[in-house]
Amino acid sequence: MAVEGYINTIGRNHLGIGICDRCKRKFPIDDLYSDRNIPGLKVCLDDVDDFDPWREPARQPEDITLRFPRPDVTLDG
């Protein structure tokens, strides 16, 4: 019978309890993860954000050159 308000830590690697930075609920420390967009936040699985692609570095432009470019002068011969 589980008692309301207590977290069962039996069989866990670490006997620690942490608080989710988003929902402020208590969880075993093994169940809190770094947020993908703000790594300083420790959040539960319900509050983990999807990775925001706008936070990635900008794409570098490609160096595209023609293999046989036309000359700048006319070819009248």
PDB file of N, CA and C in Angstrom:
ATOM      1  N   MET A   1       0.846  -1.171   0.000  1.00  0.00           N
ATOM      2  CA  MET A   1       0.000   0.000   0.000  1.00  0.00           C
ATOM      3  C   MET A   1       0.893   1.236   0.000  1.00  0.00           C
ATOM      4  N   ALA A   2       0.750   2.081  -0.969  1.00  0.00           N
ATOM      5  CA  ALA A   2       1.565   3.286  -1.087  1.00  0.00           C
ATOM      6  C   ALA A   2       0.968   4.412  -0.254  1.00  0.00           C
ATOM      7  N   VAL A   3       1.841   5.122   0.422  1.00  0.00           N
ATOM      8  CA  VAL A   3       1.407   6.260   1.221  1.00  0.00           C
ATOM      9  C   VAL A   3       1.504   7.510   0.346  1.00  0.00           C
ATOM     10  N   GLU A   4       0.462   8.312   0.353  1.00  0.00           N
ATOM     11  CA  GLU A   4       0.419   9.521  -0.474  1.00  0.00           C
ATOM     12  C   GLU A   4       1.500  10.503  -0.024  1.00  0.00           C
ATOM     13  N   GLY A   5       2.286  11.041  -0.985  1.00  0.00           N
ATOM     14  CA  GLY A   5       3.280  12.054  -0.663  1.00  0.00           C
ATOM     15  C   GLY A   5       4.692  11.498  -0.532  1.00  0.00           C
ATOM     16  N   TYR A   6       4.866  10.180  -0.494  1.00  0.00           N
ATOM     17  CA  TYR A   6       6.188   9.591  -0.372  1.00  0.00           C
ATOM     18  C   TYR A   6       6.586   8.947  -1.689  1.00  0.00           C
ATOM     19  N   ILE A   7       7.861   9.054  -2.033  1.00  0.00           N
ATOM     20  CA  ILE A   7       8.367   8.482  -3.277  1.00  0.00           C
ATOM     21  C   ILE A   7       9.140   7.216  -2.943  1.00  0.00           C
ATOM     22  N   ASN A   8       8.816   6.141  -3.625  1.00  0.00           N
ATOM     23  CA  ASN A   8       9.487   4.872  -3.404  1.00  0.00           C
ATOM     24  C   ASN A   8      10.831   4.895  -4.124  1.00  0.00           C
ATOM     25  N   THR A   9      11.925   4.795  -3.380  1.00  0.00           N
ATOM     26  CA  THR A   9      13.269   4.796  -3.978  1.00  0.00           C
ATOM     27  C   THR A   9      13.936   3.439  -3.857  1.00  0.00           C
ATOM     28  N   ILE A  10      13.188   2.393  -3.565  1.00  0.00           N
ATOM     29  CA  ILE A  10      13.753   1.054  -3.437  1.00  0.00           C
ATOM     30  C   ILE A  10      14.225   0.580  -4.810  1.00  0.00           C
ATOM     31  N   GLY A  11      15.451   0.059  -4.872  1.00  0.00           N
ATOM     32  CA  GLY A  11      16.012  -0.456  -6.114  1.00  0.00           C
ATOM     33  C   GLY A  11      16.570   0.611  -7.032  1.00  0.00           C
ATOM     34  N   ARG A  12      16.706   1.834  -6.580  1.00  0.00           N
ATOM     35  CA  ARG A  12      17.257   2.920  -7.387  1.00  0.00           C
ATOM     36  C   ARG A  12      18.770   3.000  -7.203  1.00  0.00           C
ATOM     37  N   ASN A  13      19.457   3.561  -8.193  1.00  0.00           N
ATOM     38  CA  ASN A  13      20.906   3.732  -8.113  1.00  0.00           C
ATOM     39  C   ASN A  13      21.282   4.793  -7.088  1.00  0.00           C
ATOM     40  N   HIS A  14      20.527   5.860  -7.034  1.00  0.00           N
ATOM     41  CA  HIS A  14      20.813   6.958  -6.121  1.00  0.00           C
ATOM     42  C   HIS A  14      19.598   7.212  -5.237  1.00  0.00           C
ATOM     43  N   LEU A  15      19.846   7.437  -3.972  1.00  0.00           N
ATOM     44  CA  LEU A  15      18.747   7.744  -3.057  1.00  0.00           C
ATOM     45  C   LEU A  15      18.626   9.253  -2.950  1.00  0.00           C
ATOM     46  N   GLY A  16      18.120   9.861  -3.988  1.00  0.00           N
ATOM     47  CA  GLY A  16      17.945  11.301  -4.000  1.00  0.00           C
ATOM     48  C   GLY A  16      16.605  11.660  -4.602  1.00  0.00           C
ATOM     49  N   ILE A  17      16.088  12.757  -4.144  1.00  0.00           N
ATOM     50  CA  ILE A  17      14.812  13.245  -4.663  1.00  0.00           C
ATOM     51  C   ILE A  17      15.049  14.636  -5.210  1.00  0.00           C
ATOM     52  N   GLY A  18      14.568  14.885  -6.413  1.00  0.00           N
ATOM     53  CA  GLY A  18      14.709  16.189  -7.042  1.00  0.00           C
ATOM     54  C   GLY A  18      13.342  16.757  -7.376  1.00  0.00           C
ATOM     55  N   ILE A  19      13.324  18.037  -7.677  1.00  0.00           N
ATOM     56  CA  ILE A  19      12.080  18.723  -8.030  1.00  0.00           C
ATOM     57  C   ILE A  19      12.175  19.163  -9.483  1.00  0.00           C
ATOM     58  N   CYS A  20      11.158  18.840 -10.256  1.00  0.00           N
ATOM     59  CA  CYS A  20      11.101  19.245 -11.660  1.00  0.00           C
ATOM     60  C   CYS A  20      11.039  20.769 -11.726  1.00  0.00           C
ATOM     61  N   ASP A  21      11.874  21.361 -12.595  1.00  0.00           N
ATOM     62  CA  ASP A  21      11.917  22.816 -12.702  1.00  0.00           C
ATOM     63  C   ASP A  21      10.700  23.407 -13.400  1.00  0.00           C
ATOM     64  N   ARG A  22       9.889  22.601 -14.045  1.00  0.00           N
ATOM     65  CA  ARG A  22       8.703  23.115 -14.728  1.00  0.00           C
ATOM     66  C   ARG A  22       7.437  22.905 -13.908  1.00  0.00           C
ATOM     67  N   CYS A  23       7.162  21.661 -13.504  1.00  0.00           N
ATOM     68  CA  CYS A  23       5.896  21.381 -12.829  1.00  0.00           C
ATOM     69  C   CYS A  23       6.023  21.398 -11.309  1.00  0.00           C
ATOM     70  N   LYS A  24       7.235  21.479 -10.786  1.00  0.00           N
ATOM     71  CA  LYS A  24       7.502  21.576  -9.335  1.00  0.00           C
ATOM     72  C   LYS A  24       7.026  20.354  -8.551  1.00  0.00           C
ATOM     73  N   ARG A  25       6.965  19.189  -9.215  1.00  0.00           N
ATOM     74  CA  ARG A  25       6.636  17.948  -8.517  1.00  0.00           C
ATOM     75  C   ARG A  25       7.930  17.227  -8.137  1.00  0.00           C
ATOM     76  N   LYS A  26       7.859  16.387  -7.099  1.00  0.00           N
ATOM     77  CA  LYS A  26       9.016  15.619  -6.649  1.00  0.00           C
ATOM     78  C   LYS A  26       9.133  14.333  -7.453  1.00  0.00           C
ATOM     79  N   PHE A  27      10.381  13.992  -7.802  1.00  0.00           N
ATOM     80  CA  PHE A  27      10.682  12.759  -8.523  1.00  0.00           C
ATOM     81  C   PHE A  27      11.988  12.189  -7.985  1.00  0.00           C
ATOM     82  N   PRO A  28      12.211  10.866  -8.138  1.00  0.00           N
ATOM     83  CA  PRO A  28      13.557  10.348  -7.882  1.00  0.00           C
ATOM     84  C   PRO A  28      14.546  11.030  -8.833  1.00  0.00           C
ATOM     85  N   ILE A  29      15.750  11.257  -8.364  1.00  0.00           N
ATOM     86  CA  ILE A  29      16.722  12.021  -9.144  1.00  0.00           C
ATOM     87  C   ILE A  29      17.061  11.337 -10.470  1.00  0.00           C
ATOM     88  N   ASP A  30      16.878  10.010 -10.538  1.00  0.00           N
ATOM     89  CA  ASP A  30      17.132   9.283 -11.789  1.00  0.00           C
ATOM     90  C   ASP A  30      16.077   9.573 -12.855  1.00  0.00           C
ATOM     91  N   ASP A  31      14.914  10.082 -12.459  1.00  0.00           N
ATOM     92  CA  ASP A  31      13.830  10.343 -13.407  1.00  0.00           C
ATOM     93  C   ASP A  31      13.813  11.780 -13.912  1.00  0.00           C
ATOM     94  N   LEU A  32      14.791  12.596 -13.543  1.00  0.00           N
ATOM     95  CA  LEU A  32      14.887  13.973 -14.031  1.00  0.00           C
ATOM     96  C   LEU A  32      15.975  14.048 -15.092  1.00  0.00           C
ATOM     97  N   TYR A  33      15.692  14.759 -16.169  1.00  0.00           N
ATOM     98  CA  TYR A  33      16.591  14.834 -17.319  1.00  0.00           C
ATOM     99  C   TYR A  33      16.889  16.290 -17.650  1.00  0.00           C
ATOM    100  N   SER A  34      18.014  16.524 -18.303  1.00  0.00           N
ATOM    101  CA  SER A  34      18.330  17.872 -18.774  1.00  0.00           C
ATOM    102  C   SER A  34      17.395  18.224 -19.921  1.00  0.00           C
ATOM    103  N   ASP A  35      16.900  19.436 -19.922  1.00  0.00           N
ATOM    104  CA  ASP A  35      16.027  19.895 -20.997  1.00  0.00           C
ATOM    105  C   ASP A  35      16.841  20.028 -22.277  1.00  0.00           C
ATOM    106  N   ARG A  36      16.238  19.746 -23.429  1.00  0.00           N
ATOM    107  CA  ARG A  36      16.974  19.788 -24.696  1.00  0.00           C
ATOM    108  C   ARG A  36      17.307  21.203 -25.137  1.00  0.00           C
ATOM    109  N   ASN A  37      16.460  22.166 -24.810  1.00  0.00           N
ATOM    110  CA  ASN A  37      16.695  23.543 -25.239  1.00  0.00           C
ATOM    111  C   ASN A  37      17.431  24.358 -24.186  1.00  0.00           C
ATOM    112  N   ILE A  38      17.187  24.101 -22.922  1.00  0.00           N
ATOM    113  CA  ILE A  38      17.851  24.811 -21.823  1.00  0.00           C
ATOM    114  C   ILE A  38      18.475  23.744 -20.928  1.00  0.00           C
ATOM    115  N   PRO A  39      19.745  23.357 -21.172  1.00  0.00           N
ATOM    116  CA  PRO A  39      20.334  22.220 -20.452  1.00  0.00           C
ATOM    117  C   PRO A  39      20.458  22.430 -18.948  1.00  0.00           C
ATOM    118  N   GLY A  40      20.346  23.661 -18.446  1.00  0.00           N
ATOM    119  CA  GLY A  40      20.441  23.899 -17.024  1.00  0.00           C
ATOM    120  C   GLY A  40      19.211  23.464 -16.252  1.00  0.00           C
ATOM    121  N   LEU A  41      18.115  23.217 -16.938  1.00  0.00           N
ATOM    122  CA  LEU A  41      16.875  22.795 -16.273  1.00  0.00           C
ATOM    123  C   LEU A  41      16.843  21.276 -16.157  1.00  0.00           C
ATOM    124  N   LYS A  42      16.411  20.793 -15.014  1.00  0.00           N
ATOM    125  CA  LYS A  42      16.173  19.364 -14.817  1.00  0.00           C
ATOM    126  C   LYS A  42      14.669  19.170 -14.784  1.00  0.00           C
ATOM    127  N   VAL A  43      14.143  18.405 -15.747  1.00  0.00           N
ATOM    128  CA  VAL A  43      12.700  18.259 -15.893  1.00  0.00           C
ATOM    129  C   VAL A  43      12.324  16.788 -15.987  1.00  0.00           C
ATOM    130  N   CYS A  44      11.046  16.502 -15.714  1.00  0.00           N
ATOM    131  CA  CYS A  44      10.532  15.143 -15.829  1.00  0.00           C
ATOM    132  C   CYS A  44      10.201  14.850 -17.297  1.00  0.00           C
ATOM    133  N   LEU A  45       9.857  13.605 -17.590  1.00  0.00           N
ATOM    134  CA  LEU A  45       9.580  13.221 -18.978  1.00  0.00           C
ATOM    135  C   LEU A  45       8.352  13.931 -19.543  1.00  0.00           C
ATOM    136  N   ASP A  46       7.392  14.286 -18.700  1.00  0.00           N
ATOM    137  CA  ASP A  46       6.193  14.977 -19.181  1.00  0.00           C
ATOM    138  C   ASP A  46       6.502  16.397 -19.640  1.00  0.00           C
ATOM    139  N   ASP A  47       7.549  17.002 -19.089  1.00  0.00           N
ATOM    140  CA  ASP A  47       7.853  18.406 -19.370  1.00  0.00           C
ATOM    141  C   ASP A  47       9.060  18.615 -20.276  1.00  0.00           C
ATOM    142  N   VAL A  48       9.654  17.558 -20.805  1.00  0.00           N
ATOM    143  CA  VAL A  48      10.803  17.710 -21.700  1.00  0.00           C
ATOM    144  C   VAL A  48      10.324  18.299 -23.019  1.00  0.00           C
ATOM    145  N   ASP A  49      10.976  19.368 -23.477  1.00  0.00           N
ATOM    146  CA  ASP A  49      10.612  20.000 -24.741  1.00  0.00           C
ATOM    147  C   ASP A  49      11.213  19.241 -25.911  1.00  0.00           C
ATOM    148  N   ASP A  50      10.577  19.387 -27.069  1.00  0.00           N
ATOM    149  CA  ASP A  50      11.194  18.910 -28.300  1.00  0.00           C
ATOM    150  C   ASP A  50      12.356  19.829 -28.633  1.00  0.00           C
ATOM    151  N   PHE A  51      13.347  19.302 -29.333  1.00  0.00           N
ATOM    152  CA  PHE A  51      14.510  20.105 -29.679  1.00  0.00           C
ATOM    153  C   PHE A  51      14.108  21.189 -30.666  1.00  0.00           C
ATOM    154  N   ASP A  52      14.482  22.418 -30.394  1.00  0.00           N
ATOM    155  CA  ASP A  52      14.139  23.553 -31.236  1.00  0.00           C
ATOM    156  C   ASP A  52      15.205  23.712 -32.325  1.00  0.00           C
ATOM    157  N   PRO A  53      14.866  23.482 -33.601  1.00  0.00           N
ATOM    158  CA  PRO A  53      15.885  23.559 -34.658  1.00  0.00           C
ATOM    159  C   PRO A  53      16.414  24.966 -34.876  1.00  0.00           C
ATOM    160  N   TRP A  54      15.704  25.996 -34.416  1.00  0.00           N
ATOM    161  CA  TRP A  54      16.192  27.367 -34.586  1.00  0.00           C
ATOM    162  C   TRP A  54      17.373  27.662 -33.674  1.00  0.00           C
ATOM    163  N   ARG A  55      17.639  26.808 -32.707  1.00  0.00           N
ATOM    164  CA  ARG A  55      18.775  27.003 -31.809  1.00  0.00           C
ATOM    165  C   ARG A  55      20.063  26.423 -32.383  1.00  0.00           C
ATOM    166  N   GLU A  56      19.973  25.672 -33.471  1.00  0.00           N
ATOM    167  CA  GLU A  56      21.172  25.123 -34.103  1.00  0.00           C
ATOM    168  C   GLU A  56      21.941  26.240 -34.796  1.00  0.00           C
ATOM    169  N   PRO A  57      23.252  26.062 -34.990  1.00  0.00           N
ATOM    170  CA  PRO A  57      24.002  27.077 -35.731  1.00  0.00           C
ATOM    171  C   PRO A  57      23.512  27.156 -37.179  1.00  0.00           C
ATOM    172  N   ALA A  58      23.680  28.316 -37.786  1.00  0.00           N
ATOM    173  CA  ALA A  58      23.208  28.528 -39.157  1.00  0.00           C
ATOM    174  C   ALA A  58      23.995  27.647 -40.127  1.00  0.00           C
ATOM    175  N   ARG A  59      23.328  27.242 -41.186  1.00  0.00           N
ATOM    176  CA  ARG A  59      23.998  26.440 -42.205  1.00  0.00           C
ATOM    177  C   ARG A  59      25.011  27.298 -42.942  1.00  0.00           C
ATOM    178  N   GLN A  60      26.137  26.704 -43.272  1.00  0.00           N
ATOM    179  CA  GLN A  60      27.168  27.404 -44.021  1.00  0.00           C
ATOM    180  C   GLN A  60      26.827  27.333 -45.515  1.00  0.00           C
ATOM    181  N   PRO A  61      27.036  28.430 -46.243  1.00  0.00           N
ATOM    182  CA  PRO A  61      26.724  28.391 -47.680  1.00  0.00           C
ATOM    183  C   PRO A  61      27.671  27.449 -48.413  1.00  0.00           C
ATOM    184  N   GLU A  62      27.143  26.860 -49.458  1.00  0.00           N
ATOM    185  CA  GLU A  62      27.944  25.924 -50.247  1.00  0.00           C
ATOM    186  C   GLU A  62      28.784  26.689 -51.263  1.00  0.00           C
ATOM    187  N   ASP A  63      29.947  26.169 -51.547  1.00  0.00           N
ATOM    188  CA  ASP A  63      30.823  26.760 -52.555  1.00  0.00           C
ATOM    189  C   ASP A  63      30.542  26.047 -53.881  1.00  0.00           C
ATOM    190  N   ILE A  64      29.677  26.653 -54.671  1.00  0.00           N
ATOM    191  CA  ILE A  64      29.279  26.044 -55.941  1.00  0.00           C
ATOM    192  C   ILE A  64      29.963  26.809 -57.069  1.00  0.00           C
ATOM    193  N   THR A  65      30.773  26.120 -57.854  1.00  0.00           N
ATOM    194  CA  THR A  65      31.432  26.735 -59.020  1.00  0.00           C
ATOM    195  C   THR A  65      31.103  25.908 -60.257  1.00  0.00           C
ATOM    196  N   LEU A  66      31.077  26.572 -61.394  1.00  0.00           N
ATOM    197  CA  LEU A  66      30.807  25.883 -62.652  1.00  0.00           C
ATOM    198  C   LEU A  66      32.065  25.191 -63.139  1.00  0.00           C
ATOM    199  N   ARG A  67      31.892  24.041 -63.770  1.00  0.00           N
ATOM    200  CA  ARG A  67      33.053  23.306 -64.255  1.00  0.00           C
ATOM    201  C   ARG A  67      33.639  23.942 -65.512  1.00  0.00           C
ATOM    202  N   PHE A  68      32.798  24.390 -66.439  1.00  0.00           N
ATOM    203  CA  PHE A  68      33.264  24.994 -67.687  1.00  0.00           C
ATOM    204  C   PHE A  68      32.535  26.315 -67.881  1.00  0.00           C
ATOM    205  N   PRO A  69      32.963  27.379 -67.232  1.00  0.00           N
ATOM    206  CA  PRO A  69      32.242  28.638 -67.378  1.00  0.00           C
ATOM    207  C   PRO A  69      32.518  29.285 -68.732  1.00  0.00           C
ATOM    208  N   ARG A  70      31.570  30.087 -69.195  1.00  0.00           N
ATOM    209  CA  ARG A  70      31.774  30.813 -70.454  1.00  0.00           C
ATOM    210  C   ARG A  70      32.777  31.942 -70.247  1.00  0.00           C
ATOM    211  N   PRO A  71      33.574  32.238 -71.248  1.00  0.00           N
ATOM    212  CA  PRO A  71      34.497  33.363 -71.100  1.00  0.00           C
ATOM    213  C   PRO A  71      33.724  34.690 -71.151  1.00  0.00           C
ATOM    214  N   ASP A  72      34.306  35.755 -70.593  1.00  0.00           N
ATOM    215  CA  ASP A  72      33.673  37.062 -70.557  1.00  0.00           C
ATOM    216  C   ASP A  72      33.787  37.780 -71.896  1.00  0.00           C
ATOM    217  N   VAL A  73      34.621  37.329 -72.812  1.00  0.00           N
ATOM    218  CA  VAL A  73      34.797  37.965 -74.116  1.00  0.00           C
ATOM    219  C   VAL A  73      33.963  37.217 -75.150  1.00  0.00           C
ATOM    220  N   THR A  74      33.635  37.900 -76.237  1.00  0.00           N
ATOM    221  CA  THR A  74      32.863  37.234 -77.299  1.00  0.00           C
ATOM    222  C   THR A  74      33.732  36.268 -78.073  1.00  0.00           C
ATOM    223  N   LEU A  75      33.103  35.307 -78.660  1.00  0.00           N
ATOM    224  CA  LEU A  75      33.852  34.282 -79.404  1.00  0.00           C
ATOM    225  C   LEU A  75      33.748  34.489 -80.916  1.00  0.00           C
ATOM    226  N   ASP A  76      33.609  35.745 -81.332  1.00  0.00           N
ATOM    227  CA  ASP A  76      33.560  36.022 -82.756  1.00  0.00           C
ATOM    228  C   ASP A  76      34.927  35.757 -83.370  1.00  0.00           C
ATOM    229  N   GLY A  77      34.957  35.054 -84.369  1.00  0.00           N
ATOM    230  CA  GLY A  77      36.252  34.680 -84.820  1.00  0.00           C
ATOM    231  C   GLY A  77      36.629  35.044 -86.138  1.00  0.00           C
TER     232      GLY A  77
END
